[in-house]
Structure formats: C-alpha cells, structure tokens
N, C-alpha and C. Protein backbone atom coordinates (compact mmCIF):
# COMPACT_ATOMS: atom_id res chain seq x y z
N PRO A 1 97.34 101.44 121.00
CA PRO A 1 96.41 100.46 120.53
C PRO A 1 96.41 100.25 119.02
N ASP A 2 96.71 101.40 118.16
CA ASP A 2 96.79 101.18 116.72
C ASP A 2 97.78 100.19 116.39
N ALA A 3 98.97 100.24 117.06
CA ALA A 3 100.07 99.32 116.73
C ALA A 3 99.60 97.87 117.02
N ARG A 4 98.90 97.70 118.09
CA ARG A 4 98.41 96.29 118.45
C ARG A 4 97.41 95.83 117.39
N ILE A 5 96.59 96.68 116.88
CA ILE A 5 95.65 96.26 115.87
C ILE A 5 96.35 95.97 114.51
N VAL A 6 97.33 96.81 114.13
CA VAL A 6 98.11 96.59 112.97
C VAL A 6 98.90 95.24 113.05
N GLU A 7 99.41 94.99 114.28
CA GLU A 7 100.21 93.77 114.47
C GLU A 7 99.17 92.56 114.38
N THR A 8 98.03 92.65 114.99
CA THR A 8 97.11 91.54 114.93
C THR A 8 96.62 91.30 113.51
N LEU A 9 96.32 92.33 112.74
CA LEU A 9 95.95 92.15 111.37
C LEU A 9 97.09 91.55 110.51
N GLY A 10 98.31 91.96 110.82
CA GLY A 10 99.49 91.45 110.11
C GLY A 10 99.62 89.93 110.39
N GLU A 11 99.33 89.47 111.63
CA GLU A 11 99.46 88.08 111.95
C GLU A 11 98.46 87.29 111.12
N SER A 12 97.41 87.90 110.69
CA SER A 12 96.39 87.27 109.84
C SER A 12 96.77 87.38 108.33
N GLY A 13 97.85 88.04 108.04
CA GLY A 13 98.27 88.17 106.63
C GLY A 13 97.71 89.42 105.94
N LEU A 14 97.23 90.36 106.70
CA LEU A 14 96.72 91.64 106.18
C LEU A 14 97.74 92.72 106.55
N ALA A 15 98.13 93.58 105.51
CA ALA A 15 99.04 94.74 105.70
C ALA A 15 98.15 95.89 105.95
N ALA A 16 98.05 96.43 107.15
CA ALA A 16 97.22 97.51 107.54
C ALA A 16 98.01 98.71 107.98
N SER A 17 97.34 99.85 107.79
CA SER A 17 97.91 101.11 108.36
C SER A 17 96.70 102.01 108.80
N PRO A 18 96.80 102.68 109.91
CA PRO A 18 95.71 103.52 110.40
C PRO A 18 95.28 104.64 109.41
N LEU A 19 94.03 104.85 109.23
CA LEU A 19 93.53 105.89 108.33
C LEU A 19 92.96 107.01 109.12
N ILE A 20 91.91 106.73 109.97
CA ILE A 20 91.32 107.75 110.72
C ILE A 20 90.61 107.24 111.94
N ALA A 21 90.49 107.94 113.03
CA ALA A 21 89.73 107.52 114.22
C ALA A 21 88.82 108.66 114.67
N ALA A 22 87.55 108.29 114.94
CA ALA A 22 86.66 109.30 115.39
C ALA A 22 85.51 108.53 116.20
N GLY A 23 85.10 109.18 117.25
CA GLY A 23 83.99 108.62 118.08
C GLY A 23 84.21 107.10 118.52
N GLY A 24 85.41 106.67 118.73
CA GLY A 24 85.69 105.33 119.07
C GLY A 24 85.78 104.35 118.02
N LEU A 25 85.54 104.83 116.77
CA LEU A 25 85.64 103.99 115.59
C LEU A 25 87.00 104.20 114.87
N LYS A 26 87.74 103.18 114.52
CA LYS A 26 89.05 103.32 113.87
C LYS A 26 88.92 102.60 112.53
N LEU A 27 89.44 103.33 111.49
CA LEU A 27 89.45 102.80 110.17
C LEU A 27 90.89 102.59 109.79
N PHE A 28 91.14 101.46 109.13
CA PHE A 28 92.46 101.11 108.67
C PHE A 28 92.39 100.86 107.15
N MET A 29 93.50 101.26 106.46
CA MET A 29 93.68 100.87 105.05
C MET A 29 94.34 99.56 105.04
N LEU A 30 93.84 98.66 104.14
CA LEU A 30 94.38 97.33 103.94
C LEU A 30 95.00 97.30 102.55
N ALA A 31 96.22 96.91 102.47
CA ALA A 31 96.93 96.82 101.18
C ALA A 31 96.49 95.52 100.40
N GLY A 32 96.36 95.58 99.18
CA GLY A 32 95.93 94.43 98.36
C GLY A 32 94.45 94.41 98.19
N TYR A 33 94.02 93.25 97.67
CA TYR A 33 92.59 93.02 97.37
C TYR A 33 92.00 92.26 98.43
N VAL A 34 91.06 92.81 99.23
CA VAL A 34 90.33 92.17 100.31
C VAL A 34 88.90 92.26 100.09
N GLN A 35 88.19 91.10 100.07
CA GLN A 35 86.69 91.11 99.93
C GLN A 35 86.06 91.08 101.26
N ALA A 36 84.81 91.50 101.33
CA ALA A 36 84.06 91.59 102.59
C ALA A 36 84.00 90.28 103.28
N GLU A 37 83.98 89.17 102.49
CA GLU A 37 83.82 87.78 103.12
C GLU A 37 85.14 87.13 103.37
N ASP A 38 86.23 87.87 103.29
CA ASP A 38 87.62 87.33 103.53
C ASP A 38 87.65 86.84 104.96
N GLY A 39 88.00 85.58 105.12
CA GLY A 39 88.10 84.95 106.55
C GLY A 39 89.08 85.62 107.42
N ARG A 40 90.09 86.24 106.84
CA ARG A 40 91.11 86.89 107.70
C ARG A 40 90.48 88.01 108.55
N LEU A 41 89.40 88.58 108.08
CA LEU A 41 88.80 89.72 108.86
C LEU A 41 88.06 89.20 110.11
N SER A 42 87.73 87.97 110.17
CA SER A 42 87.05 87.43 111.34
C SER A 42 87.96 87.45 112.56
N SER A 43 89.26 87.49 112.40
CA SER A 43 90.17 87.53 113.52
C SER A 43 90.50 88.98 113.91
N ALA A 44 89.96 89.97 113.17
CA ALA A 44 90.25 91.34 113.45
C ALA A 44 89.74 91.75 114.86
N PRO A 45 90.59 92.57 115.54
CA PRO A 45 90.15 92.95 116.89
C PRO A 45 88.87 93.90 116.88
N GLY A 46 88.11 93.89 117.94
CA GLY A 46 86.98 94.76 117.98
C GLY A 46 85.63 94.00 117.65
N SER A 47 84.56 94.67 117.91
CA SER A 47 83.28 93.98 117.58
C SER A 47 82.76 94.34 116.18
N LEU A 48 83.31 95.34 115.66
CA LEU A 48 82.95 95.70 114.23
C LEU A 48 84.18 95.49 113.34
N SER A 49 83.96 94.68 112.34
CA SER A 49 85.04 94.51 111.34
C SER A 49 84.38 94.22 109.99
N GLY A 50 85.12 94.54 108.93
CA GLY A 50 84.61 94.29 107.63
C GLY A 50 85.26 95.30 106.64
N VAL A 51 84.75 95.28 105.40
CA VAL A 51 85.26 96.12 104.33
C VAL A 51 84.14 97.12 104.03
N ILE A 52 84.37 98.40 104.06
CA ILE A 52 83.34 99.34 103.74
C ILE A 52 83.50 100.07 102.42
N GLY A 53 84.61 99.83 101.73
CA GLY A 53 84.83 100.41 100.45
C GLY A 53 86.25 100.11 99.97
N ALA A 54 86.44 100.42 98.76
CA ALA A 54 87.84 100.16 98.15
C ALA A 54 88.19 101.22 97.19
N ALA A 55 89.38 101.62 97.24
CA ALA A 55 89.94 102.59 96.21
C ALA A 55 91.40 102.40 96.17
N PRO A 56 92.02 102.51 95.02
CA PRO A 56 93.51 102.41 94.98
C PRO A 56 94.11 103.65 95.65
N GLN A 57 95.20 103.44 96.30
CA GLN A 57 95.92 104.47 97.07
C GLN A 57 97.32 104.55 96.43
N PHE A 58 97.59 105.57 95.67
CA PHE A 58 98.88 105.75 95.02
C PHE A 58 99.69 106.77 95.66
C-alpha cells in the first residue's frame, strides 16, 4: 500500500516517501514546498490528507 500511495502522490506532482505508520495513520515526507491549501493534496488517497508541519530534511 505505501508504494501505491507514493505512486498516486507522484501522479499529482508530489515527490513522497513514507515516514512512519501507527494506528492506521500513515505519514509521508513530501519533497519541496507544499502549503496546506495545495490543490494536489485533494487527490491524495485516504480520508485524511493535508500538511501537519514542515522542516528541512538534509
């Protein structure tokens, strides 16, 4: 399922990689600058989607 989510986000133009999964919730890191109101997030799989925080990953 993680690969399917990454692929779906990629089709929307978002470069994603899995970060952590717990209790049925999966968090993904998105490369680049993504704002909470970014329209590409509306096509993300699942009933919960959005941006919960941002930090550079080096």
